[in-house]
Amino acid sequence: NDSCVRIRAWGLAIFAIGIWALLVTNSAEAQQVQVPSYVLAQVLGSDPAREATPDPAGSDRARVNLVAHQMRQTFEDQLVAGVSRPSIELEVHFDFDSVQIHAESAPEIEAAAEVLNRHFPGTRFRVAGYTDASGAVDYNQQLSERRAIAVWQVLVNDHGVVADRLERVGFGEEDPSLEATDAQRRRVELQILREEVGEARTL
């Protein structure tokens, strides 16, 4: 019956652990001996923490918190250092010649919204789009504007950032970092607006 089976299983488990303990105390080679996993399972039972599967939602939340902390720290360091245009580059990715934001960029934009809403509630920001130098200048200008608008819309419509606090500007091929590669030029930045840059053309 079931009770006899359980008693026999416990007996075998205790016997195996006793033999293993005897070997450990009497032989250096015993360190190579391992109690079979099914024996440990009988004695210890299952461990919910070991068997639990990762929570994708929890993982995304942890990533958002980490990225938001890094963004906030970067802005604060630049402000303390007196940087004229404090900015961070958002890890926002688009397909070639497209304004459709990749799904994996969602936590990055959510983190940016958290920084704006929680840590700099009285500060105005700019979403700045840049492109590389390939293609026509006018077309690149339009593409950079459209990509800036795409990120702006997610921040405002999906994450509640007040629209009046957030400019969206396309700079096309223009880039103050002349040494930047094409890949580095294709980006979206979040910039703190100060008086000297507050009159930029908004879209």
N, C-alpha and C. Protein backbone atom coordinates (compact mmCIF):
# COMPACT_ATOMS: atom_id res chain seq x y z
N ASN A 1 0.84 -1.20 0.00
CA ASN A 1 0.00 0.00 0.00
C ASN A 1 0.87 1.24 0.00
N ASP A 2 0.23 2.44 -0.02
CA ASP A 2 0.98 3.69 -0.14
C ASP A 2 1.89 3.94 1.05
N SER A 3 1.44 3.61 2.27
CA SER A 3 2.26 3.88 3.46
C SER A 3 3.53 3.04 3.44
N CYS A 4 3.45 1.80 2.98
CA CYS A 4 4.63 0.94 2.90
C CYS A 4 5.63 1.48 1.87
N VAL A 5 5.11 1.98 0.74
CA VAL A 5 5.98 2.53 -0.29
C VAL A 5 6.72 3.75 0.22
N ARG A 6 6.00 4.63 0.96
CA ARG A 6 6.63 5.83 1.49
C ARG A 6 7.69 5.48 2.52
N ILE A 7 7.40 4.50 3.40
CA ILE A 7 8.37 4.09 4.42
C ILE A 7 9.61 3.52 3.77
N ARG A 8 9.41 2.70 2.73
CA ARG A 8 10.55 2.11 2.04
C ARG A 8 11.40 3.18 1.36
N ALA A 9 10.74 4.20 0.74
CA ALA A 9 11.47 5.28 0.08
C ALA A 9 12.29 6.08 1.06
N TRP A 10 11.69 6.38 2.22
CA TRP A 10 12.42 7.11 3.26
C TRP A 10 13.59 6.28 3.78
N GLY A 11 13.38 4.99 3.94
CA GLY A 11 14.46 4.13 4.42
C GLY A 11 15.64 4.12 3.47
N LEU A 12 15.34 4.01 2.17
CA LEU A 12 16.41 4.01 1.17
C LEU A 12 17.14 5.35 1.14
N ALA A 13 16.37 6.43 1.29
CA ALA A 13 16.98 7.76 1.26
C ALA A 13 17.91 7.94 2.45
N ILE A 14 17.45 7.58 3.64
CA ILE A 14 18.28 7.74 4.85
C ILE A 14 19.51 6.86 4.76
N PHE A 15 19.35 5.65 4.23
CA PHE A 15 20.48 4.73 4.09
C PHE A 15 21.53 5.32 3.14
N ALA A 16 21.07 5.88 2.01
CA ALA A 16 22.00 6.45 1.04
C ALA A 16 22.75 7.64 1.60
N ILE A 17 22.03 8.49 2.36
CA ILE A 17 22.68 9.65 2.95
C ILE A 17 23.67 9.22 4.03
N GLY A 18 23.35 8.18 4.77
CA GLY A 18 24.27 7.67 5.79
C GLY A 18 25.55 7.15 5.17
N ILE A 19 25.45 6.40 4.08
CA ILE A 19 26.63 5.91 3.38
C ILE A 19 27.48 7.06 2.87
N TRP A 20 26.81 8.06 2.27
CA TRP A 20 27.52 9.23 1.75
C TRP A 20 28.25 9.98 2.85
N ALA A 21 27.61 10.16 4.02
CA ALA A 21 28.26 10.85 5.14
C ALA A 21 29.46 10.07 5.64
N LEU A 22 29.37 8.74 5.66
CA LEU A 22 30.48 7.90 6.10
C LEU A 22 31.67 8.07 5.16
N LEU A 23 31.41 8.11 3.88
CA LEU A 23 32.48 8.30 2.91
C LEU A 23 33.14 9.65 3.06
N VAL A 24 32.34 10.70 3.29
CA VAL A 24 32.87 12.05 3.45
C VAL A 24 33.84 12.12 4.61
N THR A 25 33.53 11.47 5.71
CA THR A 25 34.37 11.55 6.91
C THR A 25 35.59 10.67 6.83
N ASN A 26 35.65 9.71 5.92
CA ASN A 26 36.74 8.74 5.91
C ASN A 26 37.56 8.71 4.63
N SER A 27 37.20 9.48 3.62
CA SER A 27 37.94 9.38 2.37
C SER A 27 37.95 10.72 1.65
N ALA A 28 39.16 11.15 1.20
CA ALA A 28 39.26 12.38 0.42
C ALA A 28 38.54 12.25 -0.90
N GLU A 29 38.46 11.00 -1.40
CA GLU A 29 37.79 10.79 -2.68
C GLU A 29 36.28 10.97 -2.56
N ALA A 30 35.78 11.03 -1.34
CA ALA A 30 34.34 11.14 -1.16
C ALA A 30 33.80 12.47 -1.68
N GLN A 31 34.70 13.45 -1.87
CA GLN A 31 34.22 14.74 -2.38
C GLN A 31 33.68 14.62 -3.79
N GLN A 32 34.07 13.51 -4.47
CA GLN A 32 33.56 13.28 -5.81
C GLN A 32 32.21 12.57 -5.80
N VAL A 33 31.76 12.13 -4.59
CA VAL A 33 30.50 11.38 -4.47
C VAL A 33 29.36 12.36 -4.27
N GLN A 34 28.30 12.19 -4.98
CA GLN A 34 27.14 13.05 -4.87
C GLN A 34 25.90 12.23 -4.60
N VAL A 35 25.07 12.75 -3.74
CA VAL A 35 23.80 12.10 -3.49
C VAL A 35 22.93 12.27 -4.72
N PRO A 36 22.37 11.19 -5.23
CA PRO A 36 21.52 11.31 -6.42
C PRO A 36 20.40 12.33 -6.20
N SER A 37 20.09 13.05 -7.25
CA SER A 37 19.09 14.11 -7.12
C SER A 37 17.73 13.57 -6.72
N TYR A 38 17.38 12.36 -7.17
CA TYR A 38 16.06 11.83 -6.81
C TYR A 38 15.99 11.47 -5.33
N VAL A 39 17.18 11.15 -4.73
CA VAL A 39 17.21 10.88 -3.28
C VAL A 39 16.99 12.18 -2.51
N LEU A 40 17.71 13.23 -2.91
CA LEU A 40 17.52 14.51 -2.25
C LEU A 40 16.09 15.00 -2.40
N ALA A 41 15.50 14.76 -3.56
CA ALA A 41 14.12 15.19 -3.76
C ALA A 41 13.18 14.48 -2.80
N GLN A 42 13.46 13.19 -2.53
CA GLN A 42 12.63 12.43 -1.59
C GLN A 42 12.73 13.01 -0.19
N VAL A 43 13.95 13.39 0.21
CA VAL A 43 14.18 13.87 1.59
C VAL A 43 13.80 15.32 1.76
N LEU A 44 14.26 16.16 0.80
CA LEU A 44 14.07 17.59 0.95
C LEU A 44 12.77 18.09 0.36
N GLY A 45 12.20 17.33 -0.55
CA GLY A 45 11.02 17.81 -1.24
C GLY A 45 11.41 18.82 -2.30
N SER A 46 10.43 19.33 -3.04
CA SER A 46 10.70 20.29 -4.10
C SER A 46 10.87 21.67 -3.51
N ASP A 47 11.69 22.48 -4.15
CA ASP A 47 11.93 23.86 -3.72
C ASP A 47 11.22 24.79 -4.68
N PRO A 48 10.12 25.45 -4.24
CA PRO A 48 9.39 26.34 -5.16
C PRO A 48 10.27 27.42 -5.76
N ALA A 49 11.27 27.91 -4.99
CA ALA A 49 12.11 28.98 -5.50
C ALA A 49 12.96 28.49 -6.67
N ARG A 50 13.39 27.20 -6.61
CA ARG A 50 14.18 26.67 -7.70
C ARG A 50 13.33 26.37 -8.92
N GLU A 51 12.09 25.98 -8.67
CA GLU A 51 11.23 25.58 -9.78
C GLU A 51 10.48 26.73 -10.42
N ALA A 52 10.46 27.87 -9.74
CA ALA A 52 9.68 29.00 -10.25
C ALA A 52 10.28 29.49 -11.56
N THR A 53 9.43 29.81 -12.51
CA THR A 53 9.89 30.35 -13.78
C THR A 53 9.98 31.86 -13.66
N PRO A 54 10.94 32.48 -14.39
CA PRO A 54 11.07 33.94 -14.32
C PRO A 54 9.79 34.64 -14.74
N ASP A 55 9.51 35.74 -14.10
CA ASP A 55 8.33 36.54 -14.41
C ASP A 55 8.73 37.60 -15.42
N PRO A 56 8.29 37.48 -16.69
CA PRO A 56 8.70 38.46 -17.68
C PRO A 56 8.35 39.88 -17.28
N ALA A 57 7.16 40.07 -16.71
CA ALA A 57 6.75 41.41 -16.29
C ALA A 57 7.69 41.94 -15.22
N GLY A 58 8.07 41.09 -14.28
CA GLY A 58 8.98 41.51 -13.23
C GLY A 58 10.34 41.87 -13.79
N SER A 59 10.80 41.11 -14.79
CA SER A 59 12.08 41.40 -15.40
C SER A 59 12.06 42.75 -16.10
N ASP A 60 10.98 43.05 -16.81
CA ASP A 60 10.85 44.34 -17.48
C ASP A 60 10.83 45.48 -16.47
N ARG A 61 10.14 45.27 -15.34
CA ARG A 61 10.08 46.31 -14.32
C ARG A 61 11.46 46.59 -13.73
N ALA A 62 12.22 45.52 -13.50
CA ALA A 62 13.56 45.68 -12.96
C ALA A 62 14.44 46.44 -13.95
N ARG A 63 14.29 46.12 -15.23
CA ARG A 63 15.09 46.82 -16.24
C ARG A 63 14.71 48.30 -16.30
N VAL A 64 13.41 48.60 -16.26
CA VAL A 64 12.97 49.99 -16.28
C VAL A 64 13.55 50.75 -15.10
N ASN A 65 13.50 50.16 -13.91
CA ASN A 65 14.03 50.83 -12.72
C ASN A 65 15.52 51.10 -12.85
N LEU A 66 16.25 50.10 -13.35
CA LEU A 66 17.70 50.26 -13.49
C LEU A 66 18.04 51.35 -14.49
N VAL A 67 17.38 51.31 -15.66
CA VAL A 67 17.67 52.31 -16.69
C VAL A 67 17.27 53.71 -16.22
N ALA A 68 16.14 53.82 -15.54
CA ALA A 68 15.71 55.13 -15.03
C ALA A 68 16.73 55.68 -14.03
N HIS A 69 17.24 54.82 -13.17
CA HIS A 69 18.26 55.26 -12.20
C HIS A 69 19.50 55.76 -12.93
N GLN A 70 19.93 55.05 -13.96
CA GLN A 70 21.12 55.45 -14.70
C GLN A 70 20.89 56.77 -15.43
N MET A 71 19.69 56.94 -16.01
CA MET A 71 19.38 58.19 -16.71
C MET A 71 19.40 59.37 -15.74
N ARG A 72 18.75 59.18 -14.61
CA ARG A 72 18.69 60.26 -13.62
C ARG A 72 20.10 60.64 -13.16
N GLN A 73 20.93 59.63 -12.89
CA GLN A 73 22.28 59.90 -12.42
C GLN A 73 23.09 60.63 -13.48
N THR A 74 22.93 60.25 -14.74
CA THR A 74 23.66 60.91 -15.83
C THR A 74 23.27 62.37 -15.94
N PHE A 75 21.97 62.65 -15.89
CA PHE A 75 21.50 64.03 -15.95
C PHE A 75 22.04 64.85 -14.77
N GLU A 76 21.95 64.29 -13.57
CA GLU A 76 22.40 65.02 -12.39
C GLU A 76 23.90 65.29 -12.44
N ASP A 77 24.68 64.32 -12.91
CA ASP A 77 26.12 64.52 -13.03
C ASP A 77 26.44 65.63 -14.02
N GLN A 78 25.70 65.67 -15.14
CA GLN A 78 25.95 66.71 -16.15
C GLN A 78 25.55 68.08 -15.64
N LEU A 79 24.45 68.15 -14.90
CA LEU A 79 24.02 69.42 -14.35
C LEU A 79 25.04 69.96 -13.35
N VAL A 80 25.54 69.09 -12.50
CA VAL A 80 26.54 69.50 -11.51
C VAL A 80 27.82 69.96 -12.22
N ALA A 81 28.16 69.29 -13.31
CA ALA A 81 29.37 69.64 -14.05
C ALA A 81 29.20 70.89 -14.92
N GLY A 82 27.99 71.41 -15.02
CA GLY A 82 27.75 72.60 -15.80
C GLY A 82 27.69 72.38 -17.29
N VAL A 83 27.33 71.16 -17.72
CA VAL A 83 27.21 70.87 -19.15
C VAL A 83 26.13 71.76 -19.76
N SER A 84 26.43 72.38 -20.90
CA SER A 84 25.49 73.35 -21.47
C SER A 84 24.21 72.71 -21.98
N ARG A 85 24.31 71.48 -22.47
CA ARG A 85 23.12 70.79 -22.96
C ARG A 85 23.12 69.36 -22.42
N PRO A 86 22.68 69.19 -21.18
CA PRO A 86 22.64 67.83 -20.61
C PRO A 86 21.75 66.93 -21.46
N SER A 87 22.26 65.73 -21.78
CA SER A 87 21.49 64.86 -22.67
C SER A 87 21.86 63.41 -22.41
N ILE A 88 20.96 62.53 -22.80
CA ILE A 88 21.22 61.10 -22.80
C ILE A 88 20.73 60.54 -24.13
N GLU A 89 21.40 59.52 -24.60
CA GLU A 89 20.98 58.85 -25.82
C GLU A 89 20.03 57.72 -25.46
N LEU A 90 18.85 57.74 -26.04
CA LEU A 90 17.87 56.70 -25.79
C LEU A 90 18.15 55.49 -26.67
N GLU A 91 18.06 54.30 -26.08
CA GLU A 91 18.23 53.07 -26.84
C GLU A 91 16.91 52.75 -27.56
N VAL A 92 16.62 53.57 -28.55
CA VAL A 92 15.40 53.42 -29.34
C VAL A 92 15.81 53.04 -30.75
N HIS A 93 15.26 51.96 -31.25
CA HIS A 93 15.67 51.43 -32.54
C HIS A 93 14.51 51.45 -33.54
N PHE A 94 14.86 51.76 -34.78
CA PHE A 94 13.89 51.79 -35.87
C PHE A 94 14.40 50.90 -37.00
N ASP A 95 13.47 50.40 -37.81
CA ASP A 95 13.87 49.75 -39.04
C ASP A 95 14.44 50.79 -40.00
N PHE A 96 15.16 50.34 -40.99
CA PHE A 96 15.73 51.25 -41.99
C PHE A 96 14.62 52.04 -42.67
N ASP A 97 14.81 53.35 -42.72
CA ASP A 97 13.87 54.24 -43.40
C ASP A 97 12.45 54.11 -42.83
N SER A 98 12.36 53.95 -41.51
CA SER A 98 11.06 53.74 -40.87
C SER A 98 10.98 54.56 -39.58
N VAL A 99 9.75 54.86 -39.17
CA VAL A 99 9.54 55.53 -37.88
C VAL A 99 8.87 54.59 -36.89
N GLN A 100 8.72 53.31 -37.24
CA GLN A 100 8.13 52.33 -36.35
C GLN A 100 9.15 51.93 -35.30
N ILE A 101 8.81 52.16 -34.03
CA ILE A 101 9.74 51.87 -32.94
C ILE A 101 9.71 50.38 -32.64
N HIS A 102 10.88 49.78 -32.50
CA HIS A 102 10.96 48.36 -32.17
C HIS A 102 10.39 48.09 -30.77
N ALA A 103 9.77 46.94 -30.61
CA ALA A 103 9.14 46.60 -29.34
C ALA A 103 10.13 46.56 -28.19
N GLU A 104 11.37 46.12 -28.46
CA GLU A 104 12.34 46.02 -27.37
C GLU A 104 12.77 47.37 -26.83
N SER A 105 12.38 48.45 -27.49
CA SER A 105 12.71 49.79 -27.01
C SER A 105 11.71 50.29 -25.97
N ALA A 106 10.62 49.56 -25.76
CA ALA A 106 9.57 50.03 -24.84
C ALA A 106 10.07 50.29 -23.43
N PRO A 107 10.86 49.39 -22.81
CA PRO A 107 11.34 49.68 -21.44
C PRO A 107 12.20 50.94 -21.37
N GLU A 108 12.97 51.22 -22.43
CA GLU A 108 13.82 52.41 -22.45
C GLU A 108 12.97 53.68 -22.43
N ILE A 109 11.91 53.70 -23.22
CA ILE A 109 11.04 54.88 -23.26
C ILE A 109 10.27 55.01 -21.96
N GLU A 110 9.85 53.89 -21.40
CA GLU A 110 9.15 53.93 -20.11
C GLU A 110 10.07 54.48 -19.02
N ALA A 111 11.33 54.09 -19.05
CA ALA A 111 12.29 54.61 -18.06
C ALA A 111 12.47 56.11 -18.23
N ALA A 112 12.55 56.57 -19.47
CA ALA A 112 12.67 58.00 -19.71
C ALA A 112 11.47 58.76 -19.17
N ALA A 113 10.28 58.21 -19.38
CA ALA A 113 9.07 58.85 -18.86
C ALA A 113 9.09 58.92 -17.34
N GLU A 114 9.59 57.86 -16.70
CA GLU A 114 9.66 57.86 -15.24
C GLU A 114 10.61 58.95 -14.75
N VAL A 115 11.72 59.14 -15.44
CA VAL A 115 12.66 60.20 -15.06
C VAL A 115 12.00 61.56 -15.19
N LEU A 116 11.31 61.77 -16.29
CA LEU A 116 10.65 63.06 -16.51
C LEU A 116 9.56 63.32 -15.48
N ASN A 117 8.75 62.31 -15.21
CA ASN A 117 7.59 62.51 -14.35
C ASN A 117 7.93 62.55 -12.87
N ARG A 118 8.89 61.73 -12.45
CA ARG A 118 9.16 61.58 -11.01
C ARG A 118 10.33 62.41 -10.52
N HIS A 119 11.36 62.56 -11.36
CA HIS A 119 12.59 63.17 -10.86
C HIS A 119 12.85 64.58 -11.37
N PHE A 120 12.26 64.95 -12.50
CA PHE A 120 12.42 66.30 -13.02
C PHE A 120 11.05 66.86 -13.42
N PRO A 121 10.11 66.91 -12.48
CA PRO A 121 8.74 67.28 -12.84
C PRO A 121 8.58 68.72 -13.30
N GLY A 122 9.52 69.61 -12.93
CA GLY A 122 9.39 71.01 -13.33
C GLY A 122 10.33 71.40 -14.45
N THR A 123 10.93 70.44 -15.10
CA THR A 123 11.94 70.71 -16.12
C THR A 123 11.39 70.42 -17.52
N ARG A 124 11.76 71.26 -18.47
CA ARG A 124 11.36 71.03 -19.85
C ARG A 124 12.46 70.25 -20.57
N PHE A 125 12.03 69.35 -21.43
CA PHE A 125 12.95 68.49 -22.16
C PHE A 125 12.68 68.59 -23.65
N ARG A 126 13.64 68.06 -24.41
CA ARG A 126 13.50 67.99 -25.85
C ARG A 126 13.80 66.56 -26.31
N VAL A 127 12.97 66.04 -27.20
CA VAL A 127 13.27 64.79 -27.89
C VAL A 127 13.91 65.18 -29.21
N ALA A 128 15.17 64.82 -29.39
CA ALA A 128 15.93 65.24 -30.56
C ALA A 128 16.27 64.04 -31.42
N GLY A 129 15.90 64.10 -32.69
CA GLY A 129 16.20 63.02 -33.62
C GLY A 129 17.36 63.38 -34.53
N TYR A 130 18.22 62.41 -34.79
CA TYR A 130 19.38 62.60 -35.68
C TYR A 130 19.42 61.46 -36.69
N THR A 131 20.02 61.72 -37.84
CA THR A 131 20.25 60.67 -38.84
C THR A 131 21.72 60.69 -39.24
N ASP A 132 22.12 59.67 -40.00
CA ASP A 132 23.48 59.70 -40.55
C ASP A 132 23.48 60.56 -41.81
N ALA A 133 24.61 60.61 -42.49
CA ALA A 133 24.76 61.51 -43.63
C ALA A 133 24.43 60.85 -44.96
N SER A 134 23.96 59.62 -44.96
CA SER A 134 23.61 58.97 -46.22
C SER A 134 22.23 59.45 -46.67
N GLY A 135 22.05 59.61 -47.96
CA GLY A 135 20.77 60.06 -48.47
C GLY A 135 20.72 61.58 -48.61
N ALA A 136 19.59 62.05 -49.11
CA ALA A 136 19.41 63.49 -49.34
C ALA A 136 19.25 64.23 -48.02
N VAL A 137 19.79 65.42 -47.97
CA VAL A 137 19.76 66.21 -46.73
C VAL A 137 18.32 66.51 -46.31
N ASP A 138 17.49 66.93 -47.26
CA ASP A 138 16.10 67.27 -46.92
C ASP A 138 15.34 66.05 -46.41
N TYR A 139 15.58 64.91 -47.06
CA TYR A 139 14.87 63.69 -46.62
C TYR A 139 15.32 63.29 -45.22
N ASN A 140 16.61 63.36 -44.95
CA ASN A 140 17.11 63.02 -43.62
C ASN A 140 16.54 63.94 -42.55
N GLN A 141 16.38 65.21 -42.91
CA GLN A 141 15.79 66.15 -41.96
C GLN A 141 14.35 65.72 -41.61
N GLN A 142 13.58 65.38 -42.63
CA GLN A 142 12.20 64.95 -42.39
C GLN A 142 12.15 63.65 -41.59
N LEU A 143 13.04 62.72 -41.90
CA LEU A 143 13.06 61.44 -41.18
C LEU A 143 13.41 61.64 -39.71
N SER A 144 14.36 62.51 -39.43
CA SER A 144 14.73 62.77 -38.03
C SER A 144 13.57 63.40 -37.27
N GLU A 145 12.82 64.28 -37.93
CA GLU A 145 11.66 64.90 -37.30
C GLU A 145 10.58 63.86 -36.99
N ARG A 146 10.33 62.98 -37.95
CA ARG A 146 9.28 61.97 -37.78
C ARG A 146 9.65 61.00 -36.66
N ARG A 147 10.91 60.66 -36.55
CA ARG A 147 11.33 59.75 -35.48
C ARG A 147 11.24 60.43 -34.12
N ALA A 148 11.59 61.70 -34.05
CA ALA A 148 11.43 62.44 -32.79
C ALA A 148 9.97 62.50 -32.38
N ILE A 149 9.09 62.72 -33.34
CA ILE A 149 7.66 62.76 -33.06
C ILE A 149 7.17 61.40 -32.58
N ALA A 150 7.67 60.32 -33.17
CA ALA A 150 7.24 58.97 -32.77
C ALA A 150 7.55 58.71 -31.30
N VAL A 151 8.75 59.08 -30.86
CA VAL A 151 9.12 58.88 -29.46
C VAL A 151 8.31 59.82 -28.57
N TRP A 152 8.13 61.05 -29.01
CA TRP A 152 7.34 62.03 -28.25
C TRP A 152 5.92 61.51 -28.01
N GLN A 153 5.32 60.94 -29.04
CA GLN A 153 3.95 60.44 -28.91
C GLN A 153 3.85 59.32 -27.87
N VAL A 154 4.83 58.43 -27.82
CA VAL A 154 4.80 57.36 -26.83
C VAL A 154 4.93 57.93 -25.42
N LEU A 155 5.84 58.88 -25.24
CA LEU A 155 6.03 59.49 -23.92
C LEU A 155 4.75 60.19 -23.45
N VAL A 156 4.10 60.90 -24.35
CA VAL A 156 2.91 61.69 -23.99
C VAL A 156 1.67 60.81 -23.91
N ASN A 157 1.42 60.03 -24.94
CA ASN A 157 0.16 59.27 -25.02
C ASN A 157 0.16 58.02 -24.15
N ASP A 158 1.30 57.36 -24.03
CA ASP A 158 1.34 56.09 -23.30
C ASP A 158 1.82 56.24 -21.86
N HIS A 159 2.58 57.28 -21.57
CA HIS A 159 3.19 57.38 -20.24
C HIS A 159 2.88 58.68 -19.51
N GLY A 160 1.99 59.49 -20.06
CA GLY A 160 1.45 60.62 -19.32
C GLY A 160 2.38 61.80 -19.12
N VAL A 161 3.43 61.91 -19.93
CA VAL A 161 4.27 63.10 -19.84
C VAL A 161 3.48 64.28 -20.39
N VAL A 162 3.48 65.40 -19.68
CA VAL A 162 2.72 66.57 -20.12
C VAL A 162 3.33 67.10 -21.42
N ALA A 163 2.51 67.23 -22.42
CA ALA A 163 2.99 67.58 -23.76
C ALA A 163 3.73 68.91 -23.78
N ASP A 164 3.26 69.89 -23.00
CA ASP A 164 3.88 71.21 -23.02
C ASP A 164 5.29 71.22 -22.46
N ARG A 165 5.66 70.17 -21.76
CA ARG A 165 7.00 70.10 -21.18
C ARG A 165 8.01 69.49 -22.14
N LEU A 166 7.55 69.05 -23.30
CA LEU A 166 8.38 68.20 -24.13
C LEU A 166 8.38 68.67 -25.58
N GLU A 167 9.49 69.24 -26.03
CA GLU A 167 9.64 69.59 -27.42
C GLU A 167 10.06 68.37 -28.23
N ARG A 168 9.78 68.39 -29.54
CA ARG A 168 10.28 67.35 -30.44
C ARG A 168 10.92 68.04 -31.63
N VAL A 169 12.18 67.75 -31.86
CA VAL A 169 12.97 68.46 -32.86
C VAL A 169 13.78 67.45 -33.68
N GLY A 170 13.82 67.67 -34.99
CA GLY A 170 14.67 66.86 -35.84
C GLY A 170 15.87 67.66 -36.29
N PHE A 171 17.05 67.08 -36.17
CA PHE A 171 18.29 67.75 -36.56
C PHE A 171 18.89 67.15 -37.83
N GLY A 172 18.26 66.14 -38.39
CA GLY A 172 18.77 65.55 -39.61
C GLY A 172 20.20 65.07 -39.46
N GLU A 173 21.06 65.50 -40.39
CA GLU A 173 22.46 65.09 -40.38
C GLU A 173 23.31 65.93 -39.42
N GLU A 174 22.76 67.03 -38.96
CA GLU A 174 23.52 67.93 -38.09
C GLU A 174 23.96 67.19 -36.83
N ASP A 175 25.21 67.35 -36.46
CA ASP A 175 25.71 66.68 -35.27
C ASP A 175 26.96 67.40 -34.77
N PRO A 176 26.96 67.81 -33.51
CA PRO A 176 28.14 68.50 -32.98
C PRO A 176 29.35 67.59 -32.85
N SER A 177 29.14 66.27 -32.82
CA SER A 177 30.26 65.33 -32.69
C SER A 177 30.72 64.93 -34.08
N LEU A 178 31.67 65.66 -34.62
CA LEU A 178 32.11 65.43 -35.99
C LEU A 178 32.81 64.08 -36.14
N GLU A 179 33.32 63.54 -35.03
CA GLU A 179 34.03 62.26 -35.10
C GLU A 179 33.07 61.07 -35.03
N ALA A 180 31.80 61.31 -34.86
CA ALA A 180 30.84 60.22 -34.69
C ALA A 180 30.72 59.39 -35.97
N THR A 181 30.54 58.09 -35.79
CA THR A 181 30.31 57.21 -36.93
C THR A 181 28.85 57.34 -37.38
N ASP A 182 28.54 56.77 -38.54
CA ASP A 182 27.15 56.80 -39.02
C ASP A 182 26.21 56.14 -38.03
N ALA A 183 26.64 55.00 -37.46
CA ALA A 183 25.79 54.30 -36.50
C ALA A 183 25.53 55.16 -35.27
N GLN A 184 26.51 55.93 -34.85
CA GLN A 184 26.34 56.80 -33.68
C GLN A 184 25.46 58.00 -34.00
N ARG A 185 25.45 58.41 -35.25
CA ARG A 185 24.62 59.55 -35.64
C ARG A 185 23.14 59.19 -35.69
N ARG A 186 22.82 57.93 -35.98
CA ARG A 186 21.41 57.51 -36.07
C ARG A 186 20.89 57.26 -34.66
N ARG A 187 20.25 58.25 -34.06
CA ARG A 187 19.88 58.12 -32.66
C ARG A 187 18.78 59.11 -32.31
N VAL A 188 18.23 58.90 -31.11
CA VAL A 188 17.28 59.85 -30.51
C VAL A 188 17.83 60.21 -29.14
N GLU A 189 17.89 61.50 -28.86
CA GLU A 189 18.39 61.97 -27.58
C GLU A 189 17.27 62.62 -26.78
N LEU A 190 17.40 62.54 -25.45
CA LEU A 190 16.54 63.30 -24.54
C LEU A 190 17.42 64.37 -23.92
N GLN A 191 17.05 65.62 -24.13
CA GLN A 191 17.89 66.75 -23.72
C GLN A 191 17.15 67.65 -22.76
N ILE A 192 17.86 68.13 -21.74
CA ILE A 192 17.29 69.13 -20.84
C ILE A 192 17.37 70.48 -21.51
N LEU A 193 16.26 71.20 -21.55
CA LEU A 193 16.22 72.52 -22.17
C LEU A 193 16.63 73.59 -21.17
N ARG A 194 17.54 74.43 -21.59
CA ARG A 194 17.92 75.60 -20.82
C ARG A 194 17.59 76.84 -21.64
N GLU A 195 17.74 78.00 -21.06
CA GLU A 195 17.32 79.23 -21.72
C GLU A 195 18.00 79.42 -23.06
N GLU A 196 19.31 79.09 -23.13
CA GLU A 196 20.03 79.36 -24.35
C GLU A 196 19.64 78.45 -25.49
N VAL A 197 18.95 77.34 -25.19
CA VAL A 197 18.51 76.45 -26.27
C VAL A 197 16.99 76.36 -26.31
N GLY A 198 16.32 77.20 -25.57
CA GLY A 198 14.88 77.09 -25.45
C GLY A 198 14.10 77.59 -26.64
N GLU A 199 14.79 78.27 -27.58
CA GLU A 199 14.07 78.84 -28.72
C GLU A 199 14.18 77.98 -29.97
N ALA A 200 14.58 76.73 -29.81
CA ALA A 200 14.70 75.84 -30.97
C ALA A 200 13.34 75.63 -31.61
N ARG A 201 13.34 75.37 -32.91
CA ARG A 201 12.08 75.17 -33.64
C ARG A 201 11.42 73.88 -33.19
N THR A 202 10.18 73.98 -32.75
CA THR A 202 9.42 72.80 -32.36
C THR A 202 8.55 72.34 -33.50
N LEU A 203 8.13 71.09 -33.44
CA LEU A 203 7.37 70.51 -34.54
C LEU A 203 5.91 70.34 -34.17
